[in-house]
Amino acid sequence: MKKLIILAILACVITAFAFAAENFTVQNVSGRVERESGGQRVEVKAGDTLGAETVIHTGVTATLTLKDGEGKSFTVNAARTGKVAELTKAAAGVRIGGNVAKTDTGTVSRTTAQVGTASARASDQAGEDNIALE
């Protein structure tokens, strides 16, 4: 029984070190990006290595591209503050903001510069069905 408890504790310690040892390499920095070090903020540069628990701050127009040990890339967007592990986890989900690169409205007369609204799509649909009201 004691051996089982010791093995369980050892497995937990190894897992904790594996998570704490995760490092990220800075691939690209655009704008003002800083990390906390000794109570002060230090500028982050391409090639730097950041730990998972490192707190970073991205400026209003800044972006930061990181690569983990497995080769996966993560982008941290502007105006974000937090630990690298949390920000890279959030980056894998839904990204709020951004630009529409291409739209498909399904109509020949529209271009990508004219993004349709719900009311415009509804009026297009009503015109195509030729519904006669009595």
N, C-alpha and C. Protein backbone atom coordinates (compact mmCIF):
# COMPACT_ATOMS: atom_id res chain seq x y z
N MET A 1 0.82 -1.19 0.00
CA MET A 1 0.00 0.00 0.00
C MET A 1 0.87 1.27 0.00
N LYS A 2 1.96 1.22 0.78
CA LYS A 2 2.85 2.37 0.84
C LYS A 2 3.51 2.61 -0.52
N LYS A 3 3.85 1.54 -1.21
CA LYS A 3 4.47 1.68 -2.53
C LYS A 3 3.50 2.34 -3.52
N LEU A 4 2.24 2.00 -3.44
CA LEU A 4 1.23 2.57 -4.33
C LEU A 4 1.06 4.07 -4.08
N ILE A 5 1.05 4.45 -2.81
CA ILE A 5 0.93 5.87 -2.46
C ILE A 5 2.15 6.64 -2.94
N ILE A 6 3.33 6.07 -2.72
CA ILE A 6 4.57 6.73 -3.16
C ILE A 6 4.60 6.88 -4.68
N LEU A 7 4.17 5.84 -5.40
CA LEU A 7 4.13 5.93 -6.86
C LEU A 7 3.12 6.97 -7.33
N ALA A 8 1.99 7.09 -6.67
CA ALA A 8 0.98 8.09 -7.03
C ALA A 8 1.52 9.49 -6.81
N ILE A 9 2.19 9.70 -5.68
CA ILE A 9 2.77 11.02 -5.40
C ILE A 9 3.86 11.34 -6.41
N LEU A 10 4.69 10.37 -6.73
CA LEU A 10 5.76 10.57 -7.71
C LEU A 10 5.19 10.92 -9.08
N ALA A 11 4.11 10.27 -9.48
CA ALA A 11 3.47 10.57 -10.76
C ALA A 11 2.92 11.99 -10.78
N CYS A 12 2.33 12.43 -9.67
CA CYS A 12 1.82 13.80 -9.58
C CYS A 12 2.95 14.83 -9.68
N VAL A 13 4.05 14.57 -9.01
CA VAL A 13 5.19 15.49 -9.05
C VAL A 13 5.76 15.59 -10.46
N ILE A 14 5.90 14.46 -11.12
CA ILE A 14 6.43 14.45 -12.49
C ILE A 14 5.50 15.22 -13.42
N THR A 15 4.20 15.02 -13.28
CA THR A 15 3.23 15.75 -14.10
C THR A 15 3.31 17.25 -13.85
N ALA A 16 3.45 17.64 -12.58
CA ALA A 16 3.55 19.06 -12.24
C ALA A 16 4.80 19.68 -12.87
N PHE A 17 5.92 18.97 -12.83
CA PHE A 17 7.14 19.48 -13.44
C PHE A 17 7.01 19.57 -14.96
N ALA A 18 6.31 18.63 -15.55
CA ALA A 18 6.12 18.66 -17.01
C ALA A 18 5.34 19.89 -17.42
N PHE A 19 4.29 20.24 -16.65
CA PHE A 19 3.52 21.44 -16.97
C PHE A 19 4.33 22.69 -16.72
N ALA A 20 5.05 22.74 -15.61
CA ALA A 20 5.83 23.93 -15.27
C ALA A 20 7.01 24.13 -16.21
N ALA A 21 7.51 23.05 -16.80
CA ALA A 21 8.69 23.14 -17.64
C ALA A 21 8.35 23.54 -19.08
N GLU A 22 7.07 23.67 -19.41
CA GLU A 22 6.70 24.01 -20.78
C GLU A 22 7.19 25.42 -21.11
N ASN A 23 7.92 25.52 -22.19
CA ASN A 23 8.45 26.81 -22.63
C ASN A 23 7.92 27.14 -24.01
N PHE A 24 7.85 28.43 -24.29
CA PHE A 24 7.41 28.94 -25.58
C PHE A 24 8.50 29.83 -26.15
N THR A 25 8.75 29.69 -27.43
CA THR A 25 9.74 30.52 -28.11
C THR A 25 9.01 31.63 -28.86
N VAL A 26 9.49 32.86 -28.71
CA VAL A 26 8.88 34.00 -29.39
C VAL A 26 9.31 33.97 -30.85
N GLN A 27 8.34 33.86 -31.76
CA GLN A 27 8.62 33.84 -33.19
C GLN A 27 8.60 35.23 -33.79
N ASN A 28 7.58 36.03 -33.40
CA ASN A 28 7.42 37.35 -34.01
C ASN A 28 6.77 38.28 -32.99
N VAL A 29 7.23 39.53 -32.96
CA VAL A 29 6.65 40.55 -32.09
C VAL A 29 6.31 41.76 -32.95
N SER A 30 5.08 42.21 -32.83
CA SER A 30 4.65 43.41 -33.55
C SER A 30 4.06 44.36 -32.52
N GLY A 31 4.59 45.56 -32.42
CA GLY A 31 4.11 46.51 -31.42
C GLY A 31 4.82 46.31 -30.09
N ARG A 32 4.20 46.84 -29.03
CA ARG A 32 4.82 46.80 -27.70
C ARG A 32 4.33 45.57 -26.92
N VAL A 33 5.24 44.67 -26.64
CA VAL A 33 4.95 43.47 -25.85
C VAL A 33 5.98 43.40 -24.73
N GLU A 34 5.50 43.21 -23.49
CA GLU A 34 6.39 43.18 -22.33
C GLU A 34 6.07 41.96 -21.47
N ARG A 35 7.07 41.53 -20.71
CA ARG A 35 6.88 40.44 -19.73
C ARG A 35 7.29 40.97 -18.37
N GLU A 36 6.70 40.38 -17.33
CA GLU A 36 7.06 40.77 -15.98
C GLU A 36 8.27 39.98 -15.52
N SER A 37 9.24 40.70 -14.96
CA SER A 37 10.46 40.06 -14.46
C SER A 37 10.94 40.84 -13.24
N GLY A 38 10.88 40.22 -12.09
CA GLY A 38 11.36 40.87 -10.87
C GLY A 38 10.59 42.13 -10.52
N GLY A 39 9.30 42.16 -10.77
CA GLY A 39 8.48 43.33 -10.45
C GLY A 39 8.54 44.43 -11.49
N GLN A 40 9.30 44.24 -12.56
CA GLN A 40 9.41 45.24 -13.61
C GLN A 40 8.97 44.62 -14.93
N ARG A 41 8.68 45.48 -15.88
CA ARG A 41 8.32 45.02 -17.22
C ARG A 41 9.53 45.11 -18.13
N VAL A 42 9.77 44.00 -18.86
CA VAL A 42 10.90 43.91 -19.77
C VAL A 42 10.37 43.65 -21.17
N GLU A 43 10.94 44.32 -22.16
CA GLU A 43 10.51 44.16 -23.56
C GLU A 43 10.75 42.73 -24.04
N VAL A 44 9.77 42.18 -24.76
CA VAL A 44 9.89 40.84 -25.33
C VAL A 44 10.38 40.99 -26.77
N LYS A 45 11.36 40.17 -27.15
CA LYS A 45 11.94 40.23 -28.50
C LYS A 45 11.85 38.85 -29.14
N ALA A 46 11.90 38.82 -30.47
CA ALA A 46 11.91 37.55 -31.20
C ALA A 46 13.12 36.73 -30.76
N GLY A 47 12.89 35.43 -30.54
CA GLY A 47 13.96 34.54 -30.09
C GLY A 47 13.96 34.31 -28.59
N ASP A 48 13.25 35.15 -27.82
CA ASP A 48 13.17 34.97 -26.37
C ASP A 48 12.43 33.67 -26.04
N THR A 49 12.72 33.11 -24.89
CA THR A 49 12.00 31.94 -24.39
C THR A 49 11.19 32.35 -23.19
N LEU A 50 9.89 32.06 -23.22
CA LEU A 50 8.99 32.41 -22.13
C LEU A 50 8.43 31.14 -21.50
N GLY A 51 8.40 31.11 -20.19
CA GLY A 51 7.80 29.99 -19.47
C GLY A 51 6.29 30.09 -19.49
N ALA A 52 5.63 28.98 -19.19
CA ALA A 52 4.16 28.95 -19.20
C ALA A 52 3.57 29.89 -18.15
N GLU A 53 4.29 30.13 -17.07
CA GLU A 53 3.79 30.98 -15.99
C GLU A 53 4.22 32.44 -16.11
N THR A 54 4.94 32.78 -17.17
CA THR A 54 5.38 34.16 -17.38
C THR A 54 4.18 35.04 -17.70
N VAL A 55 4.07 36.18 -17.02
CA VAL A 55 2.98 37.13 -17.27
C VAL A 55 3.44 38.10 -18.35
N ILE A 56 2.62 38.23 -19.41
CA ILE A 56 2.95 39.15 -20.50
C ILE A 56 1.85 40.18 -20.66
N HIS A 57 2.23 41.30 -21.28
CA HIS A 57 1.31 42.40 -21.56
C HIS A 57 1.50 42.78 -23.02
N THR A 58 0.42 42.76 -23.81
CA THR A 58 0.51 43.21 -25.20
C THR A 58 -0.15 44.57 -25.30
N GLY A 59 0.48 45.47 -26.06
CA GLY A 59 -0.05 46.81 -26.23
C GLY A 59 -1.30 46.84 -27.10
N VAL A 60 -1.84 48.03 -27.29
CA VAL A 60 -3.09 48.21 -28.02
C VAL A 60 -3.00 47.74 -29.46
N THR A 61 -1.87 47.92 -30.11
CA THR A 61 -1.74 47.50 -31.51
C THR A 61 -0.75 46.35 -31.68
N ALA A 62 -0.47 45.64 -30.60
CA ALA A 62 0.58 44.61 -30.62
C ALA A 62 0.02 43.22 -30.90
N THR A 63 0.86 42.37 -31.47
CA THR A 63 0.58 40.94 -31.57
C THR A 63 1.87 40.19 -31.26
N LEU A 64 1.70 38.99 -30.75
CA LEU A 64 2.83 38.17 -30.35
C LEU A 64 2.60 36.76 -30.87
N THR A 65 3.56 36.20 -31.59
CA THR A 65 3.46 34.84 -32.10
C THR A 65 4.45 33.97 -31.34
N LEU A 66 3.93 32.89 -30.74
CA LEU A 66 4.74 31.98 -29.94
C LEU A 66 4.69 30.58 -30.53
N LYS A 67 5.74 29.81 -30.28
CA LYS A 67 5.78 28.40 -30.70
C LYS A 67 6.12 27.57 -29.48
N ASP A 68 5.33 26.50 -29.26
CA ASP A 68 5.60 25.65 -28.11
C ASP A 68 6.59 24.56 -28.48
N GLY A 69 6.90 23.68 -27.53
CA GLY A 69 7.87 22.62 -27.75
C GLY A 69 7.46 21.60 -28.79
N GLU A 70 6.16 21.49 -29.07
CA GLU A 70 5.65 20.56 -30.07
C GLU A 70 5.61 21.16 -31.47
N GLY A 71 5.95 22.44 -31.59
CA GLY A 71 5.95 23.10 -32.89
C GLY A 71 4.66 23.81 -33.24
N LYS A 72 3.69 23.84 -32.32
CA LYS A 72 2.42 24.54 -32.57
C LYS A 72 2.63 26.03 -32.36
N SER A 73 2.02 26.83 -33.25
CA SER A 73 2.12 28.29 -33.15
C SER A 73 0.86 28.86 -32.53
N PHE A 74 1.04 29.91 -31.75
CA PHE A 74 -0.06 30.61 -31.10
C PHE A 74 0.12 32.10 -31.32
N THR A 75 -0.97 32.82 -31.53
CA THR A 75 -0.91 34.26 -31.65
C THR A 75 -1.67 34.88 -30.49
N VAL A 76 -1.01 35.79 -29.79
CA VAL A 76 -1.65 36.55 -28.71
C VAL A 76 -1.96 37.92 -29.28
N ASN A 77 -3.23 38.29 -29.25
CA ASN A 77 -3.67 39.54 -29.87
C ASN A 77 -3.41 40.76 -28.98
N ALA A 78 -3.78 41.90 -29.49
CA ALA A 78 -3.55 43.18 -28.83
C ALA A 78 -4.32 43.31 -27.53
N ALA A 79 -3.79 44.14 -26.64
CA ALA A 79 -4.42 44.52 -25.38
C ALA A 79 -4.78 43.32 -24.51
N ARG A 80 -3.86 42.40 -24.36
CA ARG A 80 -4.08 41.21 -23.52
C ARG A 80 -3.03 41.20 -22.41
N THR A 81 -3.43 40.74 -21.24
CA THR A 81 -2.53 40.58 -20.11
C THR A 81 -2.84 39.25 -19.45
N GLY A 82 -1.81 38.48 -19.13
CA GLY A 82 -2.01 37.22 -18.45
C GLY A 82 -0.81 36.31 -18.59
N LYS A 83 -0.94 35.10 -18.01
CA LYS A 83 0.12 34.12 -18.11
C LYS A 83 0.13 33.52 -19.51
N VAL A 84 1.30 33.18 -19.99
CA VAL A 84 1.46 32.65 -21.34
C VAL A 84 0.58 31.41 -21.54
N ALA A 85 0.54 30.52 -20.57
CA ALA A 85 -0.26 29.30 -20.70
C ALA A 85 -1.73 29.61 -20.89
N GLU A 86 -2.25 30.59 -20.15
CA GLU A 86 -3.66 30.97 -20.27
C GLU A 86 -3.95 31.64 -21.60
N LEU A 87 -3.07 32.53 -22.04
CA LEU A 87 -3.29 33.25 -23.28
C LEU A 87 -3.18 32.35 -24.50
N THR A 88 -2.30 31.36 -24.44
CA THR A 88 -2.20 30.43 -25.58
C THR A 88 -3.36 29.46 -25.59
N LYS A 89 -3.89 29.14 -24.44
CA LYS A 89 -5.07 28.28 -24.37
C LYS A 89 -6.27 29.02 -24.95
N ALA A 90 -6.40 30.31 -24.62
CA ALA A 90 -7.51 31.12 -25.14
C ALA A 90 -7.37 31.33 -26.64
N ALA A 91 -6.14 31.37 -27.13
CA ALA A 91 -5.92 31.59 -28.56
C ALA A 91 -6.45 30.46 -29.40
N ALA A 92 -6.56 29.26 -28.82
CA ALA A 92 -7.03 28.12 -29.58
C ALA A 92 -8.54 28.14 -29.79
N GLY A 93 -9.26 28.99 -29.07
CA GLY A 93 -10.71 29.03 -29.17
C GLY A 93 -11.19 30.06 -30.18
N VAL A 94 -12.33 30.64 -29.92
CA VAL A 94 -12.92 31.63 -30.81
C VAL A 94 -12.16 32.94 -30.67
N ARG A 95 -11.82 33.53 -31.79
CA ARG A 95 -11.11 34.80 -31.77
C ARG A 95 -12.10 35.92 -32.02
N ILE A 96 -12.17 36.86 -31.11
CA ILE A 96 -13.08 37.99 -31.24
C ILE A 96 -12.37 39.09 -32.00
N GLY A 97 -13.03 39.65 -33.01
CA GLY A 97 -12.43 40.70 -33.82
C GLY A 97 -11.82 40.12 -35.07
N GLY A 98 -11.11 40.92 -35.81
CA GLY A 98 -10.49 40.45 -37.04
C GLY A 98 -11.17 41.05 -38.25
N ASN A 99 -10.71 40.67 -39.42
CA ASN A 99 -11.23 41.19 -40.67
C ASN A 99 -11.79 40.05 -41.51
N VAL A 100 -12.82 40.37 -42.28
CA VAL A 100 -13.39 39.39 -43.19
C VAL A 100 -12.55 39.42 -44.46
N ALA A 101 -11.95 38.29 -44.81
CA ALA A 101 -11.11 38.23 -45.99
C ALA A 101 -11.94 37.98 -47.25
N LYS A 102 -13.00 37.20 -47.13
CA LYS A 102 -13.81 36.88 -48.28
C LYS A 102 -15.22 36.58 -47.81
N THR A 103 -16.19 37.04 -48.56
CA THR A 103 -17.58 36.72 -48.23
C THR A 103 -18.21 36.01 -49.41
N ASP A 104 -19.19 35.19 -49.13
CA ASP A 104 -19.92 34.49 -50.18
C ASP A 104 -21.39 34.73 -49.93
N THR A 105 -21.96 35.67 -50.66
CA THR A 105 -23.36 36.03 -50.44
C THR A 105 -24.30 35.19 -51.29
N GLY A 106 -23.76 34.44 -52.22
CA GLY A 106 -24.60 33.57 -53.04
C GLY A 106 -25.30 34.30 -54.18
N THR A 107 -25.07 35.56 -54.35
CA THR A 107 -25.67 36.32 -55.44
C THR A 107 -24.57 36.87 -56.33
N VAL A 108 -24.82 36.86 -57.61
CA VAL A 108 -23.81 37.30 -58.57
C VAL A 108 -23.58 38.80 -58.49
N SER A 109 -24.62 39.58 -58.20
CA SER A 109 -24.51 41.04 -58.25
C SER A 109 -23.72 41.64 -57.09
N ARG A 110 -23.47 40.90 -56.06
CA ARG A 110 -22.75 41.44 -54.90
C ARG A 110 -21.27 41.16 -55.01
N THR A 111 -20.47 42.03 -54.43
CA THR A 111 -19.02 41.82 -54.37
C THR A 111 -18.63 41.62 -52.92
N THR A 112 -17.37 41.32 -52.69
CA THR A 112 -16.91 41.12 -51.31
C THR A 112 -16.94 42.42 -50.51
N ALA A 113 -17.00 43.56 -51.18
CA ALA A 113 -17.05 44.83 -50.47
C ALA A 113 -18.43 45.11 -49.92
N GLN A 114 -19.45 44.41 -50.40
CA GLN A 114 -20.81 44.64 -49.94
C GLN A 114 -21.28 43.44 -49.12
N VAL A 115 -21.04 43.50 -47.84
CA VAL A 115 -21.46 42.41 -46.97
C VAL A 115 -22.93 42.63 -46.65
N GLY A 116 -23.76 41.64 -46.96
CA GLY A 116 -25.19 41.78 -46.79
C GLY A 116 -25.62 41.68 -45.35
N THR A 117 -26.72 42.33 -45.03
CA THR A 117 -27.30 42.24 -43.70
C THR A 117 -28.46 41.26 -43.74
N ALA A 118 -29.00 40.95 -42.60
CA ALA A 118 -30.12 40.01 -42.53
C ALA A 118 -31.32 40.53 -43.30
N SER A 119 -31.58 41.83 -43.22
CA SER A 119 -32.74 42.37 -43.94
C SER A 119 -32.52 42.33 -45.45
N ALA A 120 -31.27 42.53 -45.90
CA ALA A 120 -30.99 42.46 -47.33
C ALA A 120 -31.14 41.03 -47.83
N ARG A 121 -30.70 40.07 -47.05
CA ARG A 121 -30.85 38.68 -47.46
C ARG A 121 -32.32 38.29 -47.48
N ALA A 122 -33.09 38.79 -46.53
CA ALA A 122 -34.52 38.47 -46.48
C ALA A 122 -35.24 39.05 -47.69
N SER A 123 -34.87 40.28 -48.10
CA SER A 123 -35.53 40.87 -49.26
C SER A 123 -35.14 40.14 -50.53
N ASP A 124 -33.89 39.65 -50.62
CA ASP A 124 -33.48 38.86 -51.78
C ASP A 124 -34.28 37.57 -51.85
N GLN A 125 -34.43 36.93 -50.71
CA GLN A 125 -35.16 35.67 -50.66
C GLN A 125 -36.62 35.89 -51.04
N ALA A 126 -37.24 36.96 -50.56
CA ALA A 126 -38.64 37.23 -50.87
C ALA A 126 -38.82 37.47 -52.36
N GLY A 127 -37.86 38.12 -53.00
CA GLY A 127 -37.97 38.39 -54.43
C GLY A 127 -37.81 37.14 -55.28
N GLU A 128 -37.05 36.17 -54.81
CA GLU A 128 -36.81 34.97 -55.58
C GLU A 128 -37.96 33.98 -55.53
N ASP A 129 -38.76 33.99 -54.47
CA ASP A 129 -39.81 33.00 -54.31
C ASP A 129 -41.10 33.35 -55.07
N ASN A 130 -41.29 34.62 -55.42
CA ASN A 130 -42.49 35.08 -56.11
C ASN A 130 -43.76 34.63 -55.39
N ILE A 131 -43.82 34.96 -54.13
CA ILE A 131 -44.98 34.61 -53.32
C ILE A 131 -46.07 35.64 -53.57
N ALA A 132 -47.23 35.17 -53.97
CA ALA A 132 -48.34 36.08 -54.22
C ALA A 132 -49.27 36.06 -53.01
N LEU A 133 -49.56 37.24 -52.50
CA LEU A 133 -50.46 37.36 -51.36
C LEU A 133 -51.84 37.74 -51.86
N GLU A 134 -52.87 37.12 -51.32
CA GLU A 134 -54.25 37.44 -51.75
C GLU A 134 -54.95 38.27 -50.74
